[in-house]
Amino acid sequence: MAERGDVSPDGGRVAYTPFRDAFTTWKRYRGGVTTPIWIFDRETHEIVEIPHENASDTQPRWRGDELWFLSDRAGTMNVFAYGADGAVRQVTAFDDWDVKTLAVAGDVIVIERAGRLHRLDPDSGAARPLDITLDADLPAARPHRTAIGPTVQALSLSPTGKRVLVEARGEVLTVPVEHGDVRNLTRS
């Protein structure tokens, strides 16, 4: 059984938690099923457990040969790294809000913390909030054609008789009598 796994960049190892996180609703869980992280070697079939304390370790993510993960071993859920030398080091040192999610793609590391996404500097451990803007899908705000007949306030025929000046819906438009395009002169 495995939960929350990640395959190493060379494909030779799989890091995973052997069972479901018990702390999804409990903070600082220290009961009998605190999650360790295991590394499975696909060639030798050996399993190595990263140094584990009575704390919850989760969301393993490879960054080159280093395994990054979340752990509350320091109290608050923070980012830690396990190196090829077998040592675990703490990357972030937040003491207020837990890090909820960790994503690693090459040198880009993103965490979710305090209700926002942050880009994490892997060297300093500093997290910078990301400015994300989502454009809403509002059909009424899209450009569209609208019948202006009922809202016409004024009309004036051009001297050539080929266009009509129309005031409608708060706009001044020039409209062809026969062929051509409608031009919005005010665009207010």
Protein backbone atom coordinates (compact mmCIF):
# COMPACT_ATOMS: atom_id res chain seq x y z
CA MET A 1 0.00 0.00 0.00
CA ALA A 2 1.23 3.50 -0.77
CA GLU A 3 -0.01 7.05 -0.53
CA ARG A 4 1.42 10.34 -1.81
CA GLY A 5 4.32 9.07 -3.91
CA ASP A 6 6.82 10.58 -6.31
CA VAL A 7 9.23 8.90 -8.74
CA SER A 8 12.84 10.15 -8.75
CA PRO A 9 14.00 12.01 -11.88
CA ASP A 10 16.10 9.01 -13.00
CA GLY A 11 13.13 6.66 -12.48
CA GLY A 12 15.11 4.38 -10.15
CA ARG A 13 13.44 5.22 -6.83
CA VAL A 14 9.94 5.90 -5.55
CA ALA A 15 9.40 7.95 -2.40
CA TYR A 16 6.03 7.45 -0.72
CA THR A 17 4.14 7.31 2.54
CA PRO A 18 3.09 3.74 3.35
CA PHE A 19 -0.34 4.72 4.69
CA ARG A 20 -2.80 7.59 4.72
CA ASP A 21 -2.05 10.76 6.69
CA ALA A 22 -3.80 10.71 10.06
CA PHE A 23 -3.42 14.43 10.57
CA THR A 24 -5.64 15.79 7.79
CA THR A 25 -8.01 17.04 10.48
CA TRP A 26 -5.68 16.99 13.50
CA LYS A 27 -2.73 19.30 13.89
CA ARG A 28 0.46 18.07 15.59
CA TYR A 29 -0.72 14.47 15.60
CA ARG A 30 1.58 12.24 17.67
CA GLY A 31 -0.44 9.03 17.80
CA GLY A 32 0.38 5.54 16.62
CA VAL A 33 0.18 6.18 12.90
CA THR A 34 2.42 9.18 12.28
CA THR A 35 3.38 8.84 8.65
CA PRO A 36 6.99 8.01 7.72
CA ILE A 37 8.37 8.39 4.21
CA TRP A 38 9.90 5.34 2.57
CA ILE A 39 12.11 5.23 -0.50
CA PHE A 40 11.76 2.13 -2.65
CA ASP A 41 14.68 1.20 -4.93
CA ARG A 42 13.13 -0.24 -8.09
CA GLU A 43 16.25 -2.26 -8.96
CA THR A 44 17.17 -3.82 -5.60
CA HIS A 45 13.66 -3.73 -4.09
CA GLU A 46 15.14 -2.31 -0.89
CA ILE A 47 13.17 0.17 1.20
CA VAL A 48 14.87 2.95 3.13
CA GLU A 49 12.96 4.97 5.68
CA ILE A 50 14.12 8.56 5.91
CA PRO A 51 15.03 9.50 9.50
CA HIS A 52 11.68 9.71 11.23
CA GLU A 53 10.60 11.16 14.55
CA ASN A 54 7.22 10.86 16.23
CA ALA A 55 5.79 13.37 13.78
CA SER A 56 3.95 13.36 10.48
CA ASP A 57 6.05 13.38 7.30
CA THR A 58 4.19 13.64 4.01
CA GLN A 59 4.12 14.79 0.38
CA PRO A 60 7.57 13.59 -0.75
CA ARG A 61 8.82 15.40 -3.86
CA TRP A 62 12.12 14.82 -5.63
CA ARG A 63 14.34 17.76 -6.47
CA GLY A 64 17.29 16.17 -8.23
CA ASP A 65 18.80 13.65 -5.79
CA GLU A 66 17.30 15.41 -2.80
CA LEU A 67 13.89 14.46 -1.41
CA TRP A 68 11.77 17.37 -0.21
CA PHE A 69 8.77 16.78 2.05
CA LEU A 70 6.46 18.33 4.62
CA SER A 71 6.84 17.53 8.31
CA ASP A 72 5.54 18.87 11.61
CA ARG A 73 8.56 17.52 13.51
CA ALA A 74 9.39 21.12 14.52
CA GLY A 75 5.81 21.82 15.67
CA THR A 76 4.35 23.64 12.66
CA MET A 77 4.19 21.84 9.30
CA ASN A 78 7.26 23.03 7.36
CA VAL A 79 9.36 22.01 4.36
CA PHE A 80 12.29 19.67 4.97
CA ALA A 81 14.86 18.05 2.67
CA TYR A 82 16.56 14.66 2.86
CA GLY A 83 19.92 14.54 1.10
CA ALA A 84 22.02 11.77 -0.37
CA ASP A 85 24.21 12.03 2.77
CA GLY A 86 21.28 10.72 4.85
CA ALA A 87 20.77 14.00 6.72
CA VAL A 88 17.47 15.81 7.09
CA ARG A 89 17.52 19.60 7.06
CA GLN A 90 14.74 22.07 7.71
CA VAL A 91 14.17 24.39 4.72
CA THR A 92 11.44 26.68 6.09
CA ALA A 93 10.88 27.81 9.66
CA PHE A 94 7.29 29.01 9.87
CA ASP A 95 5.85 29.04 13.36
CA ASP A 96 2.36 30.39 12.68
CA TRP A 97 0.65 28.75 9.68
CA ASP A 98 1.26 25.20 8.48
CA VAL A 99 2.48 24.54 4.96
CA LYS A 100 -0.41 22.56 3.46
CA THR A 101 0.90 21.58 0.03
CA LEU A 102 4.29 21.19 -1.64
CA ALA A 103 4.93 21.08 -5.39
CA VAL A 104 8.37 20.75 -7.00
CA ALA A 105 9.17 21.03 -10.72
CA GLY A 106 12.91 21.38 -11.30
CA ASP A 107 14.02 24.56 -9.56
CA VAL A 108 10.46 25.84 -9.14
CA ILE A 109 9.04 25.08 -5.71
CA VAL A 110 5.53 26.18 -4.77
CA ILE A 111 3.89 25.82 -1.38
CA GLU A 112 0.40 26.54 -0.09
CA ARG A 113 0.41 28.37 3.21
CA ALA A 114 -1.97 30.77 4.99
CA GLY A 115 -4.51 30.41 2.18
CA ARG A 116 -2.11 31.53 -0.56
CA LEU A 117 0.35 30.01 -2.99
CA HIS A 118 3.98 31.02 -2.48
CA ARG A 119 7.11 30.46 -4.55
CA LEU A 120 9.84 29.10 -2.32
CA ASP A 121 13.49 30.05 -2.75
CA PRO A 122 15.28 26.70 -2.28
CA ASP A 123 18.48 28.29 -0.99
CA SER A 124 17.15 30.77 1.57
CA GLY A 125 13.80 29.14 2.43
CA ALA A 126 12.08 32.49 1.84
CA ALA A 127 8.55 32.28 0.47
CA ARG A 128 7.15 34.99 -1.81
CA PRO A 129 3.34 35.10 -2.33
CA LEU A 130 2.27 34.59 -5.94
CA ASP A 131 -0.05 37.14 -7.52
CA ILE A 132 -2.63 35.11 -9.39
CA THR A 133 -5.46 36.64 -11.37
CA LEU A 134 -8.28 34.60 -12.80
CA ASP A 135 -10.42 36.21 -15.45
CA ALA A 136 -14.01 35.26 -14.80
CA ASP A 137 -16.05 33.73 -17.57
CA LEU A 138 -18.78 36.39 -17.69
CA PRO A 139 -20.76 36.03 -20.92
CA ALA A 140 -22.56 39.35 -20.40
CA ALA A 141 -19.24 41.20 -20.30
CA ARG A 142 -18.02 39.79 -23.62
CA PRO A 143 -18.37 41.83 -26.81
CA HIS A 144 -21.73 41.06 -28.36
CA ARG A 145 -24.39 42.50 -30.66
CA THR A 146 -27.41 44.17 -29.11
CA ALA A 147 -30.53 45.55 -30.78
CA ILE A 148 -30.48 49.30 -30.22
CA GLY A 149 -33.87 50.18 -31.74
CA PRO A 150 -35.72 50.73 -28.45
CA THR A 151 -32.88 52.87 -27.00
CA VAL A 152 -32.32 55.31 -29.90
CA GLN A 153 -32.36 58.90 -28.61
CA ALA A 154 -31.43 60.83 -31.76
CA LEU A 155 -30.78 60.29 -35.49
CA SER A 156 -29.04 62.38 -38.16
CA LEU A 157 -28.51 61.48 -41.83
CA SER A 158 -25.06 62.24 -43.29
CA PRO A 159 -24.78 64.81 -46.12
CA THR A 160 -24.06 61.97 -48.59
CA GLY A 161 -27.02 59.92 -47.39
CA LYS A 162 -24.86 56.80 -47.01
CA ARG A 163 -24.58 56.78 -43.19
CA VAL A 164 -26.75 57.64 -40.22
CA LEU A 165 -25.49 59.09 -36.94
CA VAL A 166 -27.30 57.38 -34.05
CA GLU A 167 -27.31 58.10 -30.33
CA ALA A 168 -28.30 54.96 -28.38
CA ARG A 169 -27.37 53.19 -25.15
CA GLY A 170 -25.10 56.11 -24.19
CA GLU A 171 -23.02 55.77 -27.36
CA VAL A 172 -22.75 57.71 -30.61
CA LEU A 173 -22.63 55.35 -33.57
CA THR A 174 -22.36 55.81 -37.30
CA VAL A 175 -24.42 53.18 -39.12
CA PRO A 176 -24.40 52.41 -42.87
CA VAL A 177 -27.67 52.83 -44.75
CA GLU A 178 -26.96 49.78 -46.94
CA HIS A 179 -23.52 48.12 -46.74
CA GLY A 180 -20.65 48.54 -44.29
CA ASP A 181 -19.83 48.33 -40.64
CA VAL A 182 -21.21 50.03 -37.56
CA ARG A 183 -18.64 52.33 -35.96
CA ASN A 184 -18.80 53.32 -32.29
CA LEU A 185 -17.43 56.86 -32.10
CA THR A 186 -17.55 57.33 -28.33
CA ARG A 187 -16.69 53.88 -26.98
CA SER A 188 -17.79 54.94 -23.51
